[in-house]
């Protein structure tokens, strides 16, 4: 038996319902599709941008590490890293490297500026401590004992994430107190530094010599 044809009025009703649905919801459907594609494209673009940023920053940092690069040229590369790629880890390492070169060039103000920036911008707690300790050492070399005590104070240098920097901070406090002529406070700080040392630490002898020389 031949299949009876579907009544035309039923098809017309289906078509009208489809048109009505599309008229009511078409824009939101299209917008959803566009936003979805845009989100995927945006994420892929962000991934590419991050990769590109990392590669460019890496190249600049590698150029900085070249010993044939002059001090002034290295400063320019470090400035580029900070201004253009300041959110990458390379910028922090560049600041630490530039500070080292500045100390070697006897430019303590340049070194202090680089280390201050690294202290304020380092996301990694370990790098933040390293930058702060080196900044305190620069201030020590400049004869600014109060700046050393501020950077190495017990309240500002609590251990972060289990990292052990307490001994080094205490030693810096001792050095600053010696500079200020407060030998009793210096002895106490050096003793705290020895107490915080890990077993077998190589600088235990040096700390004891500092105490004996007070």
N, C-alpha and C. Protein backbone atom coordinates (compact mmCIF):
# COMPACT_ATOMS: atom_id res chain seq x y z
N UNK A 1 0.86 -1.19 0.00
CA UNK A 1 0.00 0.00 0.00
C UNK A 1 0.89 1.24 0.00
N UNK A 2 0.54 2.19 -0.83
CA UNK A 2 1.35 3.41 -0.90
C UNK A 2 1.15 4.25 0.35
N UNK A 3 2.26 4.90 0.82
CA UNK A 3 2.20 5.74 2.02
C UNK A 3 1.39 6.98 1.73
N UNK A 4 0.49 7.26 2.62
CA UNK A 4 -0.34 8.43 2.43
C UNK A 4 0.51 9.68 2.57
N UNK A 5 0.33 10.64 1.68
CA UNK A 5 1.11 11.88 1.77
C UNK A 5 0.76 12.67 3.01
N UNK A 6 1.81 13.33 3.62
CA UNK A 6 1.59 14.15 4.82
C UNK A 6 0.79 15.37 4.42
N UNK A 7 -0.22 15.69 5.17
CA UNK A 7 -1.04 16.85 4.82
C UNK A 7 -0.20 18.11 4.72
N UNK A 8 -0.46 18.95 3.74
CA UNK A 8 0.33 20.16 3.49
C UNK A 8 0.24 21.12 4.65
N UNK A 9 -0.91 21.17 5.32
CA UNK A 9 -1.07 22.14 6.40
C UNK A 9 -0.15 21.82 7.56
N UNK A 10 0.22 20.51 7.76
CA UNK A 10 1.13 20.14 8.84
C UNK A 10 2.52 20.66 8.55
N UNK A 11 2.95 20.54 7.28
CA UNK A 11 4.27 21.05 6.92
C UNK A 11 4.31 22.56 7.08
N UNK A 12 3.23 23.21 6.71
CA UNK A 12 3.19 24.66 6.85
C UNK A 12 3.29 25.08 8.31
N UNK A 13 2.64 24.31 9.20
CA UNK A 13 2.70 24.63 10.63
C UNK A 13 4.12 24.45 11.16
N UNK A 14 4.80 23.36 10.74
CA UNK A 14 6.19 23.13 11.17
C UNK A 14 7.09 24.26 10.71
N UNK A 15 6.89 24.71 9.48
CA UNK A 15 7.71 25.78 8.94
C UNK A 15 7.49 27.08 9.70
N UNK A 16 6.22 27.34 10.01
CA UNK A 16 5.92 28.58 10.73
C UNK A 16 6.51 28.55 12.13
N UNK A 17 6.46 27.38 12.80
CA UNK A 17 7.04 27.27 14.14
C UNK A 17 8.56 27.46 14.08
N UNK A 18 9.19 26.90 13.04
CA UNK A 18 10.64 27.04 12.89
C UNK A 18 11.01 28.49 12.66
N UNK A 19 10.22 29.18 11.82
CA UNK A 19 10.49 30.59 11.56
C UNK A 19 10.33 31.41 12.82
N UNK A 20 9.27 31.12 13.58
CA UNK A 20 9.02 31.87 14.81
C UNK A 20 10.15 31.65 15.81
N UNK A 21 10.60 30.40 15.94
CA UNK A 21 11.70 30.09 16.86
C UNK A 21 12.97 30.83 16.46
N UNK A 22 13.26 30.83 15.16
CA UNK A 22 14.48 31.48 14.67
C UNK A 22 14.42 33.00 14.86
N UNK A 23 13.21 33.55 14.58
CA UNK A 23 13.05 34.99 14.77
C UNK A 23 13.26 35.40 16.22
N UNK A 24 12.85 34.53 17.14
CA UNK A 24 12.95 34.83 18.57
C UNK A 24 14.34 34.55 19.12
N UNK A 25 14.99 33.50 18.64
CA UNK A 25 16.23 33.04 19.25
C UNK A 25 17.45 33.09 18.33
N UNK A 26 17.25 33.47 17.08
CA UNK A 26 18.34 33.40 16.11
C UNK A 26 19.55 34.22 16.50
N UNK A 27 19.30 35.46 16.95
CA UNK A 27 20.42 36.33 17.29
C UNK A 27 21.26 35.77 18.44
N UNK A 28 20.57 35.26 19.46
CA UNK A 28 21.30 34.73 20.61
C UNK A 28 22.09 33.48 20.23
N UNK A 29 21.53 32.67 19.32
CA UNK A 29 22.25 31.47 18.87
C UNK A 29 23.52 31.87 18.14
N UNK A 30 23.38 32.82 17.20
CA UNK A 30 24.54 33.29 16.44
C UNK A 30 25.57 33.91 17.39
N UNK A 31 25.09 34.72 18.33
CA UNK A 31 26.01 35.36 19.27
C UNK A 31 26.77 34.32 20.08
N UNK A 32 26.05 33.27 20.49
CA UNK A 32 26.70 32.20 21.26
C UNK A 32 27.78 31.50 20.46
N UNK A 33 27.48 31.25 19.18
CA UNK A 33 28.47 30.60 18.32
C UNK A 33 29.69 31.50 18.14
N UNK A 34 29.42 32.80 17.88
CA UNK A 34 30.52 33.74 17.67
C UNK A 34 31.37 33.87 18.92
N UNK A 35 30.71 33.98 20.09
CA UNK A 35 31.46 34.11 21.33
C UNK A 35 32.27 32.85 21.62
N UNK A 36 31.67 31.70 21.32
CA UNK A 36 32.39 30.45 21.55
C UNK A 36 33.63 30.35 20.69
N UNK A 37 33.48 30.67 19.41
CA UNK A 37 34.64 30.65 18.51
C UNK A 37 35.65 31.70 18.93
N UNK A 38 35.13 32.88 19.34
CA UNK A 38 36.02 33.94 19.77
C UNK A 38 36.81 33.55 21.00
N UNK A 39 36.15 32.84 21.93
CA UNK A 39 36.84 32.42 23.14
C UNK A 39 37.96 31.45 22.81
N UNK A 40 37.67 30.51 21.92
CA UNK A 40 38.71 29.55 21.51
C UNK A 40 39.85 30.28 20.82
N UNK A 41 39.48 31.18 19.90
CA UNK A 41 40.51 31.95 19.20
C UNK A 41 41.29 32.83 20.14
N UNK A 42 40.57 33.44 21.12
CA UNK A 42 41.26 34.29 22.09
C UNK A 42 42.23 33.51 22.95
N UNK A 43 41.80 32.31 23.38
CA UNK A 43 42.69 31.48 24.20
C UNK A 43 43.93 31.08 23.41
N UNK A 44 43.72 30.65 22.15
CA UNK A 44 44.86 30.27 21.32
C UNK A 44 45.78 31.46 21.07
N UNK A 45 45.16 32.64 20.89
CA UNK A 45 45.96 33.84 20.69
C UNK A 45 46.76 34.19 21.93
N UNK A 46 46.14 34.01 23.10
CA UNK A 46 46.85 34.28 24.38
C UNK A 46 48.01 33.32 24.55
N UNK A 47 47.79 32.06 24.20
CA UNK A 47 48.86 31.07 24.30
C UNK A 47 50.02 31.45 23.38
N UNK A 48 49.69 31.86 22.17
CA UNK A 48 50.73 32.25 21.21
C UNK A 48 51.46 33.49 21.71
N UNK A 49 50.69 34.46 22.24
CA UNK A 49 51.31 35.70 22.74
C UNK A 49 52.28 35.40 23.88
N UNK A 50 51.87 34.53 24.80
CA UNK A 50 52.74 34.17 25.91
C UNK A 50 54.02 33.50 25.40
N UNK A 51 53.86 32.59 24.46
CA UNK A 51 55.02 31.89 23.90
C UNK A 51 55.95 32.89 23.22
N UNK A 52 55.35 33.82 22.46
CA UNK A 52 56.15 34.82 21.76
C UNK A 52 56.87 35.73 22.75
N UNK A 53 56.16 36.13 23.80
CA UNK A 53 56.78 36.97 24.83
C UNK A 53 57.96 36.26 25.48
N UNK A 54 57.76 34.99 25.83
CA UNK A 54 58.82 34.23 26.47
C UNK A 54 60.05 34.09 25.57
N UNK A 55 59.82 33.83 24.30
CA UNK A 55 60.94 33.66 23.38
C UNK A 55 61.71 34.96 23.19
N UNK A 56 60.99 36.07 23.05
CA UNK A 56 61.66 37.36 22.89
C UNK A 56 62.45 37.73 24.14
N UNK A 57 61.84 37.51 25.32
CA UNK A 57 62.53 37.83 26.57
C UNK A 57 63.76 36.94 26.74
N UNK A 58 63.63 35.69 26.36
CA UNK A 58 64.76 34.76 26.47
C UNK A 58 65.93 35.22 25.61
N UNK A 59 65.62 35.69 24.41
CA UNK A 59 66.68 36.17 23.51
C UNK A 59 67.41 37.37 24.10
N UNK A 60 66.65 38.31 24.64
CA UNK A 60 67.26 39.50 25.26
C UNK A 60 68.15 39.10 26.44
N UNK A 61 67.66 38.16 27.25
CA UNK A 61 68.43 37.74 28.42
C UNK A 61 69.71 37.02 28.01
N UNK A 62 69.62 36.19 26.98
CA UNK A 62 70.82 35.51 26.47
C UNK A 62 71.85 36.53 25.98
N UNK A 63 71.39 37.58 25.34
CA UNK A 63 72.31 38.63 24.88
C UNK A 63 72.96 39.33 26.07
N UNK A 64 72.20 39.51 27.14
CA UNK A 64 72.76 40.13 28.34
C UNK A 64 73.88 39.30 28.94
N UNK A 65 73.74 37.98 28.87
CA UNK A 65 74.72 37.09 29.48
C UNK A 65 76.03 37.02 28.71
N UNK A 66 76.02 37.52 27.50
CA UNK A 66 77.24 37.52 26.70
C UNK A 66 78.25 38.48 27.33
N UNK A 67 79.40 37.96 27.74
CA UNK A 67 80.40 38.76 28.44
C UNK A 67 80.98 39.86 27.55
N UNK A 68 80.85 39.71 26.24
CA UNK A 68 81.38 40.73 25.34
C UNK A 68 80.47 41.96 25.26
N UNK A 69 79.25 41.86 25.79
CA UNK A 69 78.32 42.98 25.78
C UNK A 69 78.77 44.00 26.82
N UNK A 70 78.88 45.26 26.42
CA UNK A 70 79.35 46.30 27.33
C UNK A 70 78.35 46.54 28.45
N UNK A 71 78.83 47.22 29.48
CA UNK A 71 77.98 47.54 30.62
C UNK A 71 76.78 48.39 30.19
N UNK A 72 77.02 49.41 29.39
CA UNK A 72 75.93 50.28 28.94
C UNK A 72 74.95 49.53 28.05
N UNK A 73 75.47 48.65 27.18
CA UNK A 73 74.58 47.86 26.32
C UNK A 73 73.74 46.91 27.16
N UNK A 74 74.35 46.34 28.19
CA UNK A 74 73.61 45.44 29.07
C UNK A 74 72.51 46.19 29.80
N UNK A 75 72.78 47.41 30.20
CA UNK A 75 71.74 48.23 30.84
C UNK A 75 70.56 48.44 29.90
N UNK A 76 70.86 48.70 28.63
CA UNK A 76 69.79 48.88 27.65
C UNK A 76 68.95 47.63 27.49
N UNK A 77 69.59 46.48 27.44
CA UNK A 77 68.87 45.21 27.32
C UNK A 77 68.01 44.96 28.55
N UNK A 78 68.56 45.25 29.72
CA UNK A 78 67.80 45.07 30.96
C UNK A 78 66.59 46.00 30.99
N UNK A 79 66.78 47.23 30.53
CA UNK A 79 65.65 48.18 30.47
C UNK A 79 64.56 47.68 29.52
N UNK A 80 64.97 47.11 28.39
CA UNK A 80 63.99 46.56 27.44
C UNK A 80 63.21 45.41 28.06
N UNK A 81 63.91 44.55 28.79
CA UNK A 81 63.24 43.42 29.42
C UNK A 81 62.22 43.89 30.45
N UNK A 82 62.59 44.88 31.23
CA UNK A 82 61.69 45.38 32.26
C UNK A 82 60.48 46.08 31.64
N UNK A 83 60.72 46.91 30.62
CA UNK A 83 59.62 47.69 30.04
C UNK A 83 58.70 46.85 29.16
N UNK A 84 59.27 45.90 28.41
CA UNK A 84 58.47 45.14 27.45
C UNK A 84 58.06 43.76 27.96
N UNK A 85 58.84 43.19 28.86
CA UNK A 85 58.57 41.82 29.32
C UNK A 85 58.67 41.73 30.83
N UNK A 86 58.21 42.78 31.50
CA UNK A 86 58.36 42.85 32.95
C UNK A 86 57.63 41.77 33.72
N UNK A 87 56.64 41.13 33.09
CA UNK A 87 55.88 40.09 33.77
C UNK A 87 56.50 38.70 33.61
N UNK A 88 57.57 38.61 32.84
CA UNK A 88 58.22 37.31 32.65
C UNK A 88 59.34 37.13 33.69
N UNK A 89 59.68 35.89 34.02
CA UNK A 89 60.78 35.66 34.97
C UNK A 89 62.11 36.19 34.47
N UNK A 90 62.25 36.32 33.15
CA UNK A 90 63.51 36.80 32.61
C UNK A 90 63.83 38.22 33.09
N UNK A 91 62.80 39.03 33.30
CA UNK A 91 63.03 40.40 33.75
C UNK A 91 63.65 40.42 35.14
N UNK A 92 63.21 39.53 36.02
CA UNK A 92 63.78 39.46 37.37
C UNK A 92 65.23 39.00 37.30
N UNK A 93 65.48 37.96 36.52
CA UNK A 93 66.86 37.46 36.39
C UNK A 93 67.75 38.51 35.74
N UNK A 94 67.20 39.27 34.82
CA UNK A 94 67.97 40.35 34.19
C UNK A 94 68.34 41.41 35.22
N UNK A 95 67.41 41.74 36.11
CA UNK A 95 67.68 42.73 37.16
C UNK A 95 68.78 42.24 38.09
N UNK A 96 68.74 40.95 38.45
CA UNK A 96 69.77 40.38 39.33
C UNK A 96 71.13 40.39 38.62
N UNK A 97 71.14 40.03 37.35
CA UNK A 97 72.39 40.01 36.59
C UNK A 97 72.94 41.42 36.42
N UNK A 98 72.05 42.37 36.13
CA UNK A 98 72.50 43.75 35.95
C UNK A 98 73.04 44.32 37.25
N UNK A 99 72.44 43.95 38.36
CA UNK A 99 72.94 44.40 39.66
C UNK A 99 74.35 43.86 39.91
N UNK A 100 74.58 42.61 39.55
CA UNK A 100 75.91 42.01 39.71
C UNK A 100 76.94 42.77 38.88
N UNK A 101 76.59 43.05 37.64
CA UNK A 101 77.51 43.79 36.77
C UNK A 101 77.73 45.21 37.30
N UNK A 102 76.70 45.80 37.87
CA UNK A 102 76.83 47.16 38.41
C UNK A 102 77.77 47.18 39.61
N UNK A 103 77.68 46.17 40.46
CA UNK A 103 78.60 46.09 41.61
C UNK A 103 80.04 45.92 41.12
N UNK A 104 80.22 45.09 40.12
CA UNK A 104 81.56 44.89 39.54
C UNK A 104 82.10 46.19 38.93
N UNK A 105 81.19 47.03 38.43
CA UNK A 105 81.59 48.31 37.84
C UNK A 105 81.62 49.43 38.89
N UNK A 106 81.40 49.06 40.16
CA UNK A 106 81.41 50.01 41.28
C UNK A 106 80.31 51.07 41.14
N UNK A 107 79.21 50.68 40.54
CA UNK A 107 78.05 51.56 40.40
C UNK A 107 76.97 51.04 41.36
N UNK A 108 77.13 51.38 42.64
CA UNK A 108 76.24 50.83 43.66
C UNK A 108 74.82 51.38 43.56
N UNK A 109 74.68 52.60 43.10
CA UNK A 109 73.33 53.16 42.93
C UNK A 109 72.55 52.40 41.86
N UNK A 110 73.23 52.07 40.76
CA UNK A 110 72.58 51.27 39.71
C UNK A 110 72.19 49.90 40.24
N UNK A 111 73.09 49.29 40.99
CA UNK A 111 72.81 47.97 41.56
C UNK A 111 71.62 48.03 42.51
N UNK A 112 71.59 49.05 43.36
CA UNK A 112 70.49 49.18 44.31
C UNK A 112 69.16 49.36 43.60
N UNK A 113 69.15 50.16 42.54
CA UNK A 113 67.91 50.38 41.79
C UNK A 113 67.38 49.10 41.16
N UNK A 114 68.28 48.32 40.57
CA UNK A 114 67.86 47.06 39.95
C UNK A 114 67.32 46.08 40.99
N UNK A 115 67.99 46.00 42.12
CA UNK A 115 67.59 45.04 43.15
C UNK A 115 66.29 45.48 43.84
N UNK A 116 66.11 46.78 43.98
CA UNK A 116 64.86 47.27 44.56
C UNK A 116 63.69 46.90 43.66
N UNK A 117 63.88 47.05 42.34
CA UNK A 117 62.81 46.67 41.41
C UNK A 117 62.53 45.18 41.50
N UNK A 118 63.57 44.37 41.55
CA UNK A 118 63.39 42.92 41.63
C UNK A 118 62.68 42.52 42.92
N UNK A 119 63.03 43.17 44.03
CA UNK A 119 62.38 42.88 45.31
C UNK A 119 60.89 43.17 45.25
N UNK A 120 60.52 44.24 44.56
CA UNK A 120 59.12 44.64 44.50
C UNK A 120 58.32 43.83 43.49
N UNK A 121 58.98 43.26 42.48
CA UNK A 121 58.26 42.64 41.37
C UNK A 121 58.41 41.13 41.26
N UNK A 122 59.32 40.54 41.99
CA UNK A 122 59.51 39.09 41.89
C UNK A 122 58.29 38.36 42.43
N UNK A 123 57.74 37.45 41.64
CA UNK A 123 56.60 36.66 42.08
C UNK A 123 57.05 35.44 42.88
N UNK A 124 58.23 34.93 42.55
CA UNK A 124 58.76 33.76 43.24
C UNK A 124 59.34 34.18 44.59
N UNK A 125 58.90 33.58 45.71
CA UNK A 125 59.40 33.98 47.03
C UNK A 125 60.91 33.85 47.16
N UNK A 126 61.49 32.80 46.57
CA UNK A 126 62.93 32.61 46.65
C UNK A 126 63.69 33.74 45.99
N UNK A 127 63.25 34.14 44.79
CA UNK A 127 63.91 35.25 44.09
C UNK A 127 63.72 36.56 44.84
N UNK A 128 62.56 36.73 45.46
CA UNK A 128 62.32 37.94 46.24
C UNK A 128 63.30 38.03 47.41
N UNK A 129 63.53 36.90 48.09
CA UNK A 129 64.49 36.89 49.19
C UNK A 129 65.91 37.16 48.69
N UNK A 130 66.28 36.53 47.59
CA UNK A 130 67.62 36.72 47.04
C UNK A 130 67.85 38.18 46.69
N UNK A 131 66.87 38.79 46.03
CA UNK A 131 66.99 40.21 45.66
C UNK A 131 67.09 41.08 46.90
N UNK A 132 66.30 40.79 47.93
CA UNK A 132 66.33 41.60 49.15
C UNK A 132 67.66 41.47 49.88
N UNK A 133 68.19 40.25 49.94
CA UNK A 133 69.47 40.05 50.61
C UNK A 133 70.58 40.78 49.87
N UNK A 134 70.57 40.70 48.54
CA UNK A 134 71.61 41.38 47.76
C UNK A 134 71.47 42.89 47.87
N UNK A 135 70.23 43.38 47.94
CA UNK A 135 70.02 44.81 48.12
C UNK A 135 70.58 45.26 49.47
N UNK A 136 70.37 44.46 50.51
CA UNK A 136 70.92 44.78 51.83
C UNK A 136 72.44 44.80 51.78
N UNK A 137 73.03 43.88 51.03
CA UNK A 137 74.49 43.85 50.91
C UNK A 137 75.01 45.11 50.21
N UNK A 138 74.27 45.58 49.21
CA UNK A 138 74.66 46.81 48.52
C UNK A 138 74.59 47.99 49.48
N UNK A 139 73.52 48.07 50.26
CA UNK A 139 73.41 49.16 51.24
C UNK A 139 74.52 49.06 52.29
N UNK A 140 74.91 47.84 52.62
CA UNK A 140 76.01 47.65 53.56
C UNK A 140 77.29 48.23 52.96
N UNK A 141 77.51 47.95 51.68
CA UNK A 141 78.69 48.48 50.99
C UNK A 141 78.65 50.00 50.90
N UNK A 142 77.45 50.57 50.85
CA UNK A 142 77.30 52.02 50.79
C UNK A 142 77.38 52.67 52.17
N UNK A 143 77.43 51.84 53.22
CA UNK A 143 77.52 52.36 54.58
C UNK A 143 76.20 52.77 55.18
N UNK A 144 75.10 52.31 54.62
CA UNK A 144 73.76 52.66 55.11
C UNK A 144 73.23 51.54 56.00
N UNK A 145 73.64 51.56 57.26
CA UNK A 145 73.26 50.49 58.19
C UNK A 145 71.76 50.44 58.45
N UNK A 146 71.13 51.61 58.51
CA UNK A 146 69.68 51.63 58.79
C UNK A 146 68.89 50.96 57.67
N UNK A 147 69.33 51.18 56.41
CA UNK A 147 68.65 50.53 55.27
C UNK A 147 68.82 49.02 55.35
N UNK A 148 69.99 48.57 55.80
CA UNK A 148 70.22 47.13 55.95
C UNK A 148 69.29 46.57 57.00
N UNK A 149 69.18 47.24 58.12
CA UNK A 149 68.33 46.75 59.21
C UNK A 149 66.87 46.73 58.79
N UNK A 150 66.45 47.68 57.98
CA UNK A 150 65.07 47.69 57.49
C UNK A 150 64.81 46.49 56.60
N UNK A 151 65.74 46.20 55.70
CA UNK A 151 65.57 45.08 54.77
C UNK A 151 65.69 43.73 55.47
N UNK A 152 66.53 43.67 56.50
CA UNK A 152 66.82 42.39 57.14
C UNK A 152 66.13 42.24 58.49
N UNK A 153 65.15 43.09 58.78
CA UNK A 153 64.47 43.01 60.07
C UNK A 153 63.72 41.70 60.20
N UNK A 154 63.59 41.26 61.42
CA UNK A 154 62.94 39.95 61.67
C UNK A 154 61.48 39.97 61.23
N UNK A 155 60.81 41.10 61.36
CA UNK A 155 59.39 41.16 61.00
C UNK A 155 59.18 41.12 59.49
N UNK A 156 60.17 41.62 58.73
CA UNK A 156 60.02 41.67 57.27
C UNK A 156 60.56 40.41 56.59
N UNK A 157 61.31 39.59 57.31
CA UNK A 157 61.99 38.48 56.66
C UNK A 157 61.56 37.13 57.21
N UNK A 158 60.30 37.03 57.60
CA UNK A 158 59.78 35.74 58.02
C UNK A 158 59.86 34.75 56.86
N UNK A 159 60.07 33.51 57.20
CA UNK A 159 60.22 32.48 56.16
C UNK A 159 58.94 32.41 55.32
N UNK A 160 59.13 32.30 54.02
CA UNK A 160 58.02 32.20 53.07
C UNK A 160 58.12 30.87 52.36
N UNK A 161 57.05 30.08 52.42
CA UNK A 161 57.04 28.81 51.69
C UNK A 161 58.13 27.84 52.12
N UNK A 162 58.53 27.90 53.39
CA UNK A 162 59.53 26.96 53.88
C UNK A 162 60.95 27.30 53.47
N UNK A 163 61.16 28.43 52.82
CA UNK A 163 62.50 28.79 52.36
C UNK A 163 63.34 29.27 53.55
N UNK A 164 64.61 28.85 53.58
CA UNK A 164 65.48 29.13 54.71
C UNK A 164 66.44 30.27 54.38
N UNK A 165 66.09 31.47 54.82
CA UNK A 165 66.97 32.61 54.65
C UNK A 165 67.24 33.31 55.98
N UNK A 166 66.74 32.74 57.05
CA UNK A 166 66.85 33.39 58.36
C UNK A 166 68.28 33.64 58.78
N UNK A 167 69.17 32.69 58.53
CA UNK A 167 70.57 32.85 58.94
C UNK A 167 71.23 34.01 58.23
N UNK A 168 70.98 34.14 56.95
CA UNK A 168 71.61 35.22 56.17
C UNK A 168 71.10 36.58 56.61
N UNK A 169 69.80 36.68 56.90
CA UNK A 169 69.26 37.94 57.36
C UNK A 169 69.85 38.32 58.71
N UNK A 170 69.97 37.35 59.61
CA UNK A 170 70.54 37.63 60.94
C UNK A 170 71.99 38.09 60.82
N UNK A 171 72.75 37.47 59.93
CA UNK A 171 74.14 37.89 59.72
C UNK A 171 74.20 39.33 59.22
N UNK A 172 73.31 39.70 58.31
CA UNK A 172 73.28 41.07 57.81
C UNK A 172 72.93 42.05 58.92
N UNK A 173 72.03 41.66 59.81
CA UNK A 173 71.71 42.53 60.95
C UNK A 173 72.95 42.71 61.82
N UNK A 174 73.70 41.61 62.03
CA UNK A 174 74.92 41.71 62.80
C UNK A 174 75.92 42.66 62.17
N UNK A 175 76.09 42.56 60.85
CA UNK A 175 77.03 43.45 60.14
C UNK A 175 76.59 44.91 60.29
N UNK A 176 75.28 45.15 60.21
CA UNK A 176 74.78 46.52 60.32
C UNK A 176 74.99 47.06 61.73
N UNK A 177 74.78 46.22 62.73
CA UNK A 177 74.98 46.68 64.11
C UNK A 177 76.46 46.97 64.39
N UNK A 178 77.35 46.19 63.80
CA UNK A 178 78.78 46.47 63.92
C UNK A 178 79.07 47.85 63.33
N UNK A 179 78.49 48.14 62.19
CA UNK A 179 78.69 49.44 61.54
C UNK A 179 78.18 50.58 62.41
N UNK A 180 77.10 50.32 63.16
CA UNK A 180 76.53 51.34 64.03
C UNK A 180 77.22 51.40 65.39
N UNK A 181 78.13 50.43 65.66
CA UNK A 181 78.85 50.41 66.93
C UNK A 181 78.11 49.72 68.06
N UNK A 182 77.01 49.05 67.76
CA UNK A 182 76.24 48.33 68.79
C UNK A 182 76.71 46.88 68.80
N UNK A 183 77.80 46.62 69.52
CA UNK A 183 78.42 45.30 69.49
C UNK A 183 77.58 44.24 70.19
N UNK A 184 76.84 44.63 71.21
CA UNK A 184 75.99 43.66 71.90
C UNK A 184 74.89 43.15 70.97
N UNK A 185 74.26 44.07 70.26
CA UNK A 185 73.22 43.67 69.31
C UNK A 185 73.83 42.85 68.17
N UNK A 186 75.04 43.20 67.77
CA UNK A 186 75.71 42.46 66.70
C UNK A 186 75.98 41.02 67.14
N UNK A 187 76.48 40.86 68.36
CA UNK A 187 76.75 39.50 68.87
C UNK A 187 75.47 38.67 68.88
N UNK A 188 74.39 39.27 69.36
CA UNK A 188 73.11 38.55 69.43
C UNK A 188 72.65 38.13 68.02
N UNK A 189 72.80 39.03 67.05
CA UNK A 189 72.38 38.73 65.68
C UNK A 189 73.23 37.61 65.09
N UNK A 190 74.55 37.67 65.31
CA UNK A 190 75.43 36.62 64.78
C UNK A 190 75.11 35.26 65.41
N UNK A 191 74.80 35.27 66.70
CA UNK A 191 74.43 34.02 67.37
C UNK A 191 73.13 33.46 66.80
N UNK A 192 72.19 34.35 66.51
CA UNK A 192 70.94 33.92 65.87
C UNK A 192 71.23 33.33 64.49
N UNK A 193 72.18 33.92 63.79
CA UNK A 193 72.53 33.44 62.46
C UNK A 193 73.11 32.02 62.55
N UNK A 194 73.98 31.78 63.54
CA UNK A 194 74.57 30.44 63.71
C UNK A 194 73.49 29.43 64.07
N UNK A 195 72.56 29.83 64.93
CA UNK A 195 71.48 28.92 65.35
C UNK A 195 70.60 28.53 64.17
N UNK A 196 70.44 29.44 63.21
CA UNK A 196 69.56 29.18 62.06
C UNK A 196 70.26 28.41 60.94
N UNK A 197 71.57 28.19 61.09
CA UNK A 197 72.31 27.50 60.03
C UNK A 197 71.88 26.03 59.92
N UNK A 198 71.94 25.53 58.71
CA UNK A 198 71.73 24.10 58.50
C UNK A 198 72.98 23.35 58.96
N UNK A 199 72.83 22.10 59.40
CA UNK A 199 73.99 21.32 59.83
C UNK A 199 75.04 21.23 58.72
N UNK A 200 76.29 21.46 59.09
CA UNK A 200 77.37 21.36 58.11
C UNK A 200 77.51 22.55 57.21
N UNK A 201 76.83 23.68 57.52
CA UNK A 201 76.91 24.88 56.68
C UNK A 201 78.34 25.40 56.66
N UNK A 202 78.78 25.85 55.50
CA UNK A 202 80.18 26.23 55.33
C UNK A 202 80.54 27.55 55.99
N UNK A 203 79.54 28.43 56.20
CA UNK A 203 79.87 29.75 56.74
C UNK A 203 79.80 29.83 58.26
N UNK A 204 79.71 28.68 58.94
CA UNK A 204 79.68 28.67 60.40
C UNK A 204 80.98 29.24 60.97
N UNK A 205 82.11 28.86 60.37
CA UNK A 205 83.41 29.34 60.84
C UNK A 205 83.52 30.85 60.71
N UNK A 206 83.06 31.40 59.59
CA UNK A 206 83.11 32.84 59.37
C UNK A 206 82.28 33.58 60.40
N UNK A 207 81.10 33.06 60.70
CA UNK A 207 80.25 33.70 61.70
C UNK A 207 80.90 33.69 63.07
N UNK A 208 81.54 32.59 63.40
CA UNK A 208 82.22 32.50 64.70
C UNK A 208 83.38 33.48 64.76
N UNK A 209 84.09 33.67 63.66
CA UNK A 209 85.17 34.65 63.60
C UNK A 209 84.61 36.07 63.81
N UNK A 210 83.46 36.34 63.24
CA UNK A 210 82.85 37.66 63.44
C UNK A 210 82.51 37.88 64.91
N UNK A 211 82.05 36.84 65.57
CA UNK A 211 81.73 36.96 67.00
C UNK A 211 83.01 37.16 67.80
N UNK A 212 84.05 36.39 67.49
CA UNK A 212 85.31 36.48 68.23
C UNK A 212 85.97 37.84 68.06
N UNK A 213 85.73 38.49 66.93
CA UNK A 213 86.36 39.78 66.65
C UNK A 213 85.62 40.96 67.26
N UNK A 214 84.46 40.71 67.86
CA UNK A 214 83.70 41.81 68.46
C UNK A 214 84.44 42.34 69.70
